[in-house]
Amino acid sequence: MATKGLFLAGTDTDVGKTHVAAAILRSLRLAGSRVAAYKPVLSGFASVTDESSDAWILWDAAGRRGDPRDVCPQSFAAAIAPPSSARAEGRRVDEQLLRSGFDARRSTGDVVVVEAAGGLFSPLADETLGIDLAREFSLPLVVVDAARLGAIGRTLGIVRAARAEGLRPAAVVLSHTTPPGADDGPVAPRMIAHEAAAEIARRAGLPVSILDHGAQQMPPEIDWLALATG
């Protein structure tokens, strides 16, 4: 039986993927779904029980069932690519665990939200890129980018590359990764985001949502459960 879920990948690192994934998880829960979160590997945190870690944030958004280590079974301290972070500790990312961890999460929720580390083509292990897991898990792809200048080019590049690799892009989310401020310049980030969203939707033929900084839930214009059931 096919898994219901979504695979979130960024155009780069630090584009707001974790907060987008958490917001989608909360929206799915409010819609009545029993959700599970999965982060195949994490770097930058020695422990996933750190309340600022991606794994803890996803575990919290998914309803705090089980343990944050269920969400992310592999973590390494150095804030660099996971295989490099593992080598800095004299370890290696367990390639098989990247995959078996997903299988374990499938049995704990009606919908699984997977958040990869870094960008779609970022290395997760010595022999595995994010796109490799996206292909193997066969979930609809949600592309996340920061809501700043350049979003159109970055996002369209990833969407087209994903399609060329046989993936199924289903939606795009632009995330405001910083709060609005007095030094935003003559063009407000909100205007940039809305204009970028319209252009991406037109050129990519995908629904596009915008997540405000600090927002706990996704705006209602995308039916995430419908996308997850594919």
C-alpha atoms as a PDB file:
ATOM      1  CA  MET A   1       0.000   0.000   0.000  1.00  0.00           C
ATOM      2  CA  ALA A   2       1.379   3.408  -0.975  1.00  0.00           C
ATOM      3  CA  THR A   3       2.449   5.684   1.858  1.00  0.00           C
ATOM      4  CA  LYS A   4       0.572   8.947   2.307  1.00  0.00           C
ATOM      5  CA  GLY A   5       3.023  11.729   2.874  1.00  0.00           C
ATOM      6  CA  LEU A   6       5.144  14.608   1.670  1.00  0.00           C
ATOM      7  CA  PHE A   7       8.874  14.987   1.119  1.00  0.00           C
ATOM      8  CA  LEU A   8      10.198  18.474   1.852  1.00  0.00           C
ATOM      9  CA  ALA A   9      13.430  19.589   0.229  1.00  0.00           C
ATOM     10  CA  GLY A  10      14.992  23.009   0.103  1.00  0.00           C
ATOM     11  CA  THR A  11      16.703  25.018  -2.575  1.00  0.00           C
ATOM     12  CA  ASP A  12      19.552  25.335  -0.053  1.00  0.00           C
ATOM     13  CA  THR A  13      20.216  25.101   3.651  1.00  0.00           C
ATOM     14  CA  ASP A  14      18.647  27.604   6.090  1.00  0.00           C
ATOM     15  CA  VAL A  15      15.607  28.353   3.925  1.00  0.00           C
ATOM     16  CA  GLY A  16      13.032  27.520   6.599  1.00  0.00           C
ATOM     17  CA  LYS A  17      12.285  23.853   5.839  1.00  0.00           C
ATOM     18  CA  THR A  18      11.868  22.759   9.443  1.00  0.00           C
ATOM     19  CA  HIS A  19       9.365  25.468  10.296  1.00  0.00           C
ATOM     20  CA  VAL A  20       7.457  24.797   7.083  1.00  0.00           C
ATOM     21  CA  ALA A  21       7.376  21.059   7.878  1.00  0.00           C
ATOM     22  CA  ALA A  22       6.209  21.797  11.420  1.00  0.00           C
ATOM     23  CA  ALA A  23       3.466  24.105  10.142  1.00  0.00           C
ATOM     24  CA  ILE A  24       2.278  21.449   7.666  1.00  0.00           C
ATOM     25  CA  LEU A  25       2.234  18.844  10.454  1.00  0.00           C
ATOM     26  CA  ARG A  26       0.072  21.109  12.631  1.00  0.00           C
ATOM     27  CA  SER A  27      -2.284  21.828   9.731  1.00  0.00           C
ATOM     28  CA  LEU A  28      -2.658  18.112   9.018  1.00  0.00           C
ATOM     29  CA  ARG A  29      -3.365  17.397  12.681  1.00  0.00           C
ATOM     30  CA  LEU A  30      -6.035  20.099  12.768  1.00  0.00           C
ATOM     31  CA  ALA A  31      -7.601  18.423   9.721  1.00  0.00           C
ATOM     32  CA  GLY A  32      -7.871  15.202  11.733  1.00  0.00           C
ATOM     33  CA  SER A  33      -4.829  13.296  10.464  1.00  0.00           C
ATOM     34  CA  ARG A  34      -2.580  11.185  12.663  1.00  0.00           C
ATOM     35  CA  VAL A  35       0.822  12.386  11.540  1.00  0.00           C
ATOM     36  CA  ALA A  36       4.395  11.206  11.808  1.00  0.00           C
ATOM     37  CA  ALA A  37       7.529  13.250  11.135  1.00  0.00           C
ATOM     38  CA  TYR A  38      10.828  11.943   9.834  1.00  0.00           C
ATOM     39  CA  LYS A  39      14.222  13.648   9.551  1.00  0.00           C
ATOM     40  CA  PRO A  40      16.633  11.036   8.105  1.00  0.00           C
ATOM     41  CA  VAL A  41      19.783  12.674   9.497  1.00  0.00           C
ATOM     42  CA  LEU A  42      20.660  15.850  11.358  1.00  0.00           C
ATOM     43  CA  SER A  43      23.881  17.787  11.801  1.00  0.00           C
ATOM     44  CA  GLY A  44      24.544  20.755  14.031  1.00  0.00           C
ATOM     45  CA  PHE A  45      23.158  19.098  17.167  1.00  0.00           C
ATOM     46  CA  ALA A  46      24.826  16.461  19.312  1.00  0.00           C
ATOM     47  CA  SER A  47      21.431  15.430  20.648  1.00  0.00           C
ATOM     48  CA  VAL A  48      17.991  15.487  19.036  1.00  0.00           C
ATOM     49  CA  THR A  49      16.467  16.068  22.491  1.00  0.00           C
ATOM     50  CA  ASP A  50      17.796  19.640  22.355  1.00  0.00           C
ATOM     51  CA  GLU A  51      14.595  21.694  22.172  1.00  0.00           C
ATOM     52  CA  SER A  52      16.044  23.916  19.431  1.00  0.00           C
ATOM     53  CA  SER A  53      16.916  20.959  17.182  1.00  0.00           C
ATOM     54  CA  ASP A  54      15.002  20.250  13.990  1.00  0.00           C
ATOM     55  CA  ALA A  55      14.033  16.824  15.310  1.00  0.00           C
ATOM     56  CA  TRP A  56      12.551  18.207  18.530  1.00  0.00           C
ATOM     57  CA  ILE A  57      10.590  20.885  16.632  1.00  0.00           C
ATOM     58  CA  LEU A  58       9.129  18.257  14.285  1.00  0.00           C
ATOM     59  CA  TRP A  59       8.365  15.877  17.167  1.00  0.00           C
ATOM     60  CA  ASP A  60       6.559  18.671  19.004  1.00  0.00           C
ATOM     61  CA  ALA A  61       4.556  19.660  15.900  1.00  0.00           C
ATOM     62  CA  ALA A  62       3.561  16.031  15.283  1.00  0.00           C
ATOM     63  CA  GLY A  63       1.988  15.738  18.744  1.00  0.00           C
ATOM     64  CA  ARG A  64       4.915  14.562  20.905  1.00  0.00           C
ATOM     65  CA  ARG A  65       4.192  10.871  20.455  1.00  0.00           C
ATOM     66  CA  GLY A  66       7.158   8.619  21.153  1.00  0.00           C
ATOM     67  CA  ASP A  67      10.543  10.293  21.370  1.00  0.00           C
ATOM     68  CA  PRO A  68      12.475  12.845  19.245  1.00  0.00           C
ATOM     69  CA  ARG A  69      14.924  10.036  18.468  1.00  0.00           C
ATOM     70  CA  ASP A  70      12.107   8.265  16.648  1.00  0.00           C
ATOM     71  CA  VAL A  71      11.830  11.309  14.381  1.00  0.00           C
ATOM     72  CA  CYS A  72      15.564  11.460  13.704  1.00  0.00           C
ATOM     73  CA  PRO A  73      17.649   8.368  14.500  1.00  0.00           C
ATOM     74  CA  GLN A  74      20.993   9.889  13.466  1.00  0.00           C
ATOM     75  CA  SER A  75      22.508  13.192  14.600  1.00  0.00           C
ATOM     76  CA  PHE A  76      26.015  14.681  14.601  1.00  0.00           C
ATOM     77  CA  ALA A  77      27.376  17.735  16.366  1.00  0.00           C
ATOM     78  CA  ALA A  78      29.252  19.765  13.739  1.00  0.00           C
ATOM     79  CA  ALA A  79      27.060  22.117  11.698  1.00  0.00           C
ATOM     80  CA  ILE A  80      28.337  20.888   8.336  1.00  0.00           C
ATOM     81  CA  ALA A  81      27.099  18.328   5.806  1.00  0.00           C
ATOM     82  CA  PRO A  82      26.040  15.135   7.651  1.00  0.00           C
ATOM     83  CA  PRO A  83      28.721  12.818   6.175  1.00  0.00           C
ATOM     84  CA  SER A  84      31.434  15.357   7.041  1.00  0.00           C
ATOM     85  CA  SER A  85      29.953  15.920  10.493  1.00  0.00           C
ATOM     86  CA  ALA A  86      29.945  12.172  11.100  1.00  0.00           C
ATOM     87  CA  ARG A  87      33.575  11.837   9.984  1.00  0.00           C
ATOM     88  CA  ALA A  88      34.563  14.599  12.423  1.00  0.00           C
ATOM     89  CA  GLU A  89      33.403  12.222  15.182  1.00  0.00           C
ATOM     90  CA  GLY A  90      35.095   9.187  13.671  1.00  0.00           C
ATOM     91  CA  ARG A  91      31.725   7.840  12.551  1.00  0.00           C
ATOM     92  CA  ARG A  92      29.760   7.348   9.346  1.00  0.00           C
ATOM     93  CA  VAL A  93      26.147   8.000   8.481  1.00  0.00           C
ATOM     94  CA  ASP A  94      24.334   4.670   8.407  1.00  0.00           C
ATOM     95  CA  GLU A  95      22.962   4.500   4.859  1.00  0.00           C
ATOM     96  CA  GLN A  96      20.555   1.666   5.661  1.00  0.00           C
ATOM     97  CA  LEU A  97      19.173   3.454   8.707  1.00  0.00           C
ATOM     98  CA  LEU A  98      18.272   6.434   6.513  1.00  0.00           C
ATOM     99  CA  ARG A  99      15.833   4.085   4.792  1.00  0.00           C
ATOM    100  CA  SER A 100      14.703   1.784   7.592  1.00  0.00           C
ATOM    101  CA  GLY A 101      13.944   4.792   9.777  1.00  0.00           C
ATOM    102  CA  PHE A 102      11.365   5.874   7.219  1.00  0.00           C
ATOM    103  CA  ASP A 103       9.815   2.401   7.199  1.00  0.00           C
ATOM    104  CA  ALA A 104       9.439   2.607  10.966  1.00  0.00           C
ATOM    105  CA  ARG A 105       7.685   5.981  10.780  1.00  0.00           C
ATOM    106  CA  ARG A 106       5.204   4.719   8.186  1.00  0.00           C
ATOM    107  CA  SER A 107       3.589   2.488  10.804  1.00  0.00           C
ATOM    108  CA  THR A 108       3.065   5.299  13.326  1.00  0.00           C
ATOM    109  CA  GLY A 109       0.940   7.763  11.349  1.00  0.00           C
ATOM    110  CA  ASP A 110      -1.620   8.080   8.605  1.00  0.00           C
ATOM    111  CA  VAL A 111       0.563  10.721   6.915  1.00  0.00           C
ATOM    112  CA  VAL A 112       4.360  10.970   7.055  1.00  0.00           C
ATOM    113  CA  VAL A 113       6.085  14.316   6.554  1.00  0.00           C
ATOM    114  CA  VAL A 114       9.769  13.881   5.660  1.00  0.00           C
ATOM    115  CA  GLU A 115      12.195  16.776   5.921  1.00  0.00           C
ATOM    116  CA  ALA A 116      15.535  16.247   4.211  1.00  0.00           C
ATOM    117  CA  ALA A 117      18.737  17.973   5.323  1.00  0.00           C
ATOM    118  CA  GLY A 118      19.854  20.894   3.187  1.00  0.00           C
ATOM    119  CA  GLY A 119      18.940  21.131  -0.472  1.00  0.00           C
ATOM    120  CA  LEU A 120      17.529  18.488  -2.771  1.00  0.00           C
ATOM    121  CA  PHE A 121      20.998  17.584  -4.010  1.00  0.00           C
ATOM    122  CA  SER A 122      22.783  17.907  -0.655  1.00  0.00           C
ATOM    123  CA  PRO A 123      24.727  14.854   0.591  1.00  0.00           C
ATOM    124  CA  LEU A 124      23.050  12.959   3.420  1.00  0.00           C
ATOM    125  CA  ALA A 125      25.639  10.171   3.543  1.00  0.00           C
ATOM    126  CA  ASP A 126      28.714   9.084   1.597  1.00  0.00           C
ATOM    127  CA  GLU A 127      26.604   7.485  -1.147  1.00  0.00           C
ATOM    128  CA  THR A 128      23.216   9.171  -0.685  1.00  0.00           C
ATOM    129  CA  LEU A 129      21.909  12.572  -1.753  1.00  0.00           C
ATOM    130  CA  GLY A 130      18.591  14.015  -0.668  1.00  0.00           C
ATOM    131  CA  ILE A 131      17.148  13.334  -4.103  1.00  0.00           C
ATOM    132  CA  ASP A 132      17.991   9.642  -3.758  1.00  0.00           C
ATOM    133  CA  LEU A 133      15.710   9.314  -0.739  1.00  0.00           C
ATOM    134  CA  ALA A 134      13.042  11.447  -2.398  1.00  0.00           C
ATOM    135  CA  ARG A 135      13.019   9.032  -5.323  1.00  0.00           C
ATOM    136  CA  GLU A 136      13.042   5.911  -3.125  1.00  0.00           C
ATOM    137  CA  PHE A 137      10.318   7.121  -0.742  1.00  0.00           C
ATOM    138  CA  SER A 138       8.176   8.093  -3.763  1.00  0.00           C
ATOM    139  CA  LEU A 139       6.315  10.890  -1.998  1.00  0.00           C
ATOM    140  CA  PRO A 140       5.032  14.118  -3.550  1.00  0.00           C
ATOM    141  CA  LEU A 141       7.758  16.760  -3.336  1.00  0.00           C
ATOM    142  CA  VAL A 142       7.337  20.117  -1.609  1.00  0.00           C
ATOM    143  CA  VAL A 143      10.055  22.605  -2.533  1.00  0.00           C
ATOM    144  CA  VAL A 144      10.901  25.189   0.136  1.00  0.00           C
ATOM    145  CA  ASP A 145      12.797  28.418  -0.414  1.00  0.00           C
ATOM    146  CA  ALA A 146      13.355  31.539   1.647  1.00  0.00           C
ATOM    147  CA  ALA A 147      11.073  34.439   0.768  1.00  0.00           C
ATOM    148  CA  ARG A 148      13.807  36.754  -0.453  1.00  0.00           C
ATOM    149  CA  LEU A 149      15.224  38.047  -3.716  1.00  0.00           C
ATOM    150  CA  GLY A 150      16.185  35.251  -6.104  1.00  0.00           C
ATOM    151  CA  ALA A 151      13.375  32.921  -5.030  1.00  0.00           C
ATOM    152  CA  ILE A 152      12.001  32.620  -8.549  1.00  0.00           C
ATOM    153  CA  GLY A 153      15.250  31.421 -10.108  1.00  0.00           C
ATOM    154  CA  ARG A 154      16.235  29.176  -7.211  1.00  0.00           C
ATOM    155  CA  THR A 155      12.855  27.504  -6.973  1.00  0.00           C
ATOM    156  CA  LEU A 156      12.247  27.022 -10.686  1.00  0.00           C
ATOM    157  CA  GLY A 157      15.720  25.485 -10.995  1.00  0.00           C
ATOM    158  CA  ILE A 158      14.956  22.885  -8.331  1.00  0.00           C
ATOM    159  CA  VAL A 159      11.456  22.163  -9.679  1.00  0.00           C
ATOM    160  CA  ARG A 160      12.777  21.584 -13.191  1.00  0.00           C
ATOM    161  CA  ALA A 161      15.677  19.464 -11.948  1.00  0.00           C
ATOM    162  CA  ALA A 162      13.301  17.380  -9.834  1.00  0.00           C
ATOM    163  CA  ARG A 163      11.020  16.751 -12.783  1.00  0.00           C
ATOM    164  CA  ALA A 164      13.973  15.824 -14.969  1.00  0.00           C
ATOM    165  CA  GLU A 165      14.942  13.266 -12.299  1.00  0.00           C
ATOM    166  CA  GLY A 166      11.462  11.727 -12.329  1.00  0.00           C
ATOM    167  CA  LEU A 167      10.157  13.268  -9.098  1.00  0.00           C
ATOM    168  CA  ARG A 168       6.662  14.690  -8.589  1.00  0.00           C
ATOM    169  CA  PRO A 169       6.787  18.306  -7.390  1.00  0.00           C
ATOM    170  CA  ALA A 170       3.438  18.997  -5.750  1.00  0.00           C
ATOM    171  CA  ALA A 171       3.794  22.441  -4.172  1.00  0.00           C
ATOM    172  CA  VAL A 172       6.161  25.261  -3.289  1.00  0.00           C
ATOM    173  CA  VAL A 173       6.400  27.155  -0.005  1.00  0.00           C
ATOM    174  CA  LEU A 174       8.222  30.454   0.402  1.00  0.00           C
ATOM    175  CA  SER A 175       9.207  30.981   4.029  1.00  0.00           C
ATOM    176  CA  HIS A 176       9.901  34.309   5.715  1.00  0.00           C
ATOM    177  CA  THR A 177      12.983  33.239   7.661  1.00  0.00           C
ATOM    178  CA  THR A 178      13.516  36.627   9.331  1.00  0.00           C
ATOM    179  CA  PRO A 179      11.031  39.011  10.953  1.00  0.00           C
ATOM    180  CA  PRO A 180      10.073  42.201   9.123  1.00  0.00           C
ATOM    181  CA  GLY A 181      12.240  45.139  10.104  1.00  0.00           C
ATOM    182  CA  ALA A 182      12.817  48.824   9.568  1.00  0.00           C
ATOM    183  CA  ASP A 183      15.879  48.131   7.387  1.00  0.00           C
ATOM    184  CA  ASP A 184      14.034  46.015   4.825  1.00  0.00           C
ATOM    185  CA  GLY A 185      14.800  48.504   2.053  1.00  0.00           C
ATOM    186  CA  PRO A 186      12.565  50.075  -0.584  1.00  0.00           C
ATOM    187  CA  VAL A 187      10.909  46.773  -1.595  1.00  0.00           C
ATOM    188  CA  ALA A 188       9.206  45.021   1.307  1.00  0.00           C
ATOM    189  CA  PRO A 189       9.912  41.279   1.722  1.00  0.00           C
ATOM    190  CA  ARG A 190       6.155  40.625   1.727  1.00  0.00           C
ATOM    191  CA  MET A 191       5.836  42.200  -1.713  1.00  0.00           C
ATOM    192  CA  ILE A 192       8.828  40.237  -2.994  1.00  0.00           C
ATOM    193  CA  ALA A 193       7.298  37.016  -1.694  1.00  0.00           C
ATOM    194  CA  HIS A 194       3.869  37.570  -3.215  1.00  0.00           C
ATOM    195  CA  GLU A 195       5.261  38.570  -6.601  1.00  0.00           C
ATOM    196  CA  ALA A 196       7.643  35.587  -6.557  1.00  0.00           C
ATOM    197  CA  ALA A 197       4.819  33.240  -5.580  1.00  0.00           C
ATOM    198  CA  ALA A 198       2.666  34.381  -8.478  1.00  0.00           C
ATOM    199  CA  GLU A 199       5.512  33.995 -10.975  1.00  0.00           C
ATOM    200  CA  ILE A 200       6.519  30.559  -9.672  1.00  0.00           C
ATOM    201  CA  ALA A 201       2.905  29.363  -9.790  1.00  0.00           C
ATOM    202  CA  ARG A 202       2.557  30.577 -13.377  1.00  0.00           C
ATOM    203  CA  ARG A 203       5.800  29.135 -14.663  1.00  0.00           C
ATOM    204  CA  ALA A 204       5.874  25.878 -12.683  1.00  0.00           C
ATOM    205  CA  GLY A 205       2.149  25.143 -12.696  1.00  0.00           C
ATOM    206  CA  LEU A 206       2.199  24.429  -8.955  1.00  0.00           C
ATOM    207  CA  PRO A 207       0.342  25.789  -5.931  1.00  0.00           C
ATOM    208  CA  VAL A 208       2.524  28.168  -3.925  1.00  0.00           C
ATOM    209  CA  SER A 209       2.048  29.131  -0.296  1.00  0.00           C
ATOM    210  CA  ILE A 210       3.821  31.705   1.857  1.00  0.00           C
ATOM    211  CA  LEU A 211       4.644  31.052   5.519  1.00  0.00           C
ATOM    212  CA  ASP A 212       5.012  34.182   7.625  1.00  0.00           C
ATOM    213  CA  HIS A 213       7.860  34.427  10.111  1.00  0.00           C
ATOM    214  CA  GLY A 214       6.850  32.734  13.351  1.00  0.00           C
ATOM    215  CA  ALA A 215       3.584  31.358  11.968  1.00  0.00           C
ATOM    216  CA  GLN A 216       2.498  28.092  13.574  1.00  0.00           C
ATOM    217  CA  GLN A 217       0.231  26.868  10.781  1.00  0.00           C
ATOM    218  CA  MET A 218       0.135  26.991   7.010  1.00  0.00           C
ATOM    219  CA  PRO A 219      -2.304  29.326   5.252  1.00  0.00           C
ATOM    220  CA  PRO A 220      -5.455  27.481   4.138  1.00  0.00           C
ATOM    221  CA  GLU A 221      -5.078  27.812   0.369  1.00  0.00           C
ATOM    222  CA  ILE A 222      -3.372  24.414  -0.092  1.00  0.00           C
ATOM    223  CA  ASP A 223      -5.053  21.157   0.914  1.00  0.00           C
ATOM    224  CA  TRP A 224      -2.017  19.351   2.329  1.00  0.00           C
ATOM    225  CA  LEU A 225      -3.905  16.134   2.987  1.00  0.00           C
ATOM    226  CA  ALA A 226      -5.041  15.975  -0.633  1.00  0.00           C
ATOM    227  CA  LEU A 227      -1.457  16.496  -1.805  1.00  0.00           C
ATOM    228  CA  ALA A 228      -0.180  13.856   0.626  1.00  0.00           C
ATOM    229  CA  THR A 229      -2.605  11.284  -0.697  1.00  0.00           C
ATOM    230  CA  GLY A 230      -1.349  12.156  -4.162  1.00  0.00           C
END
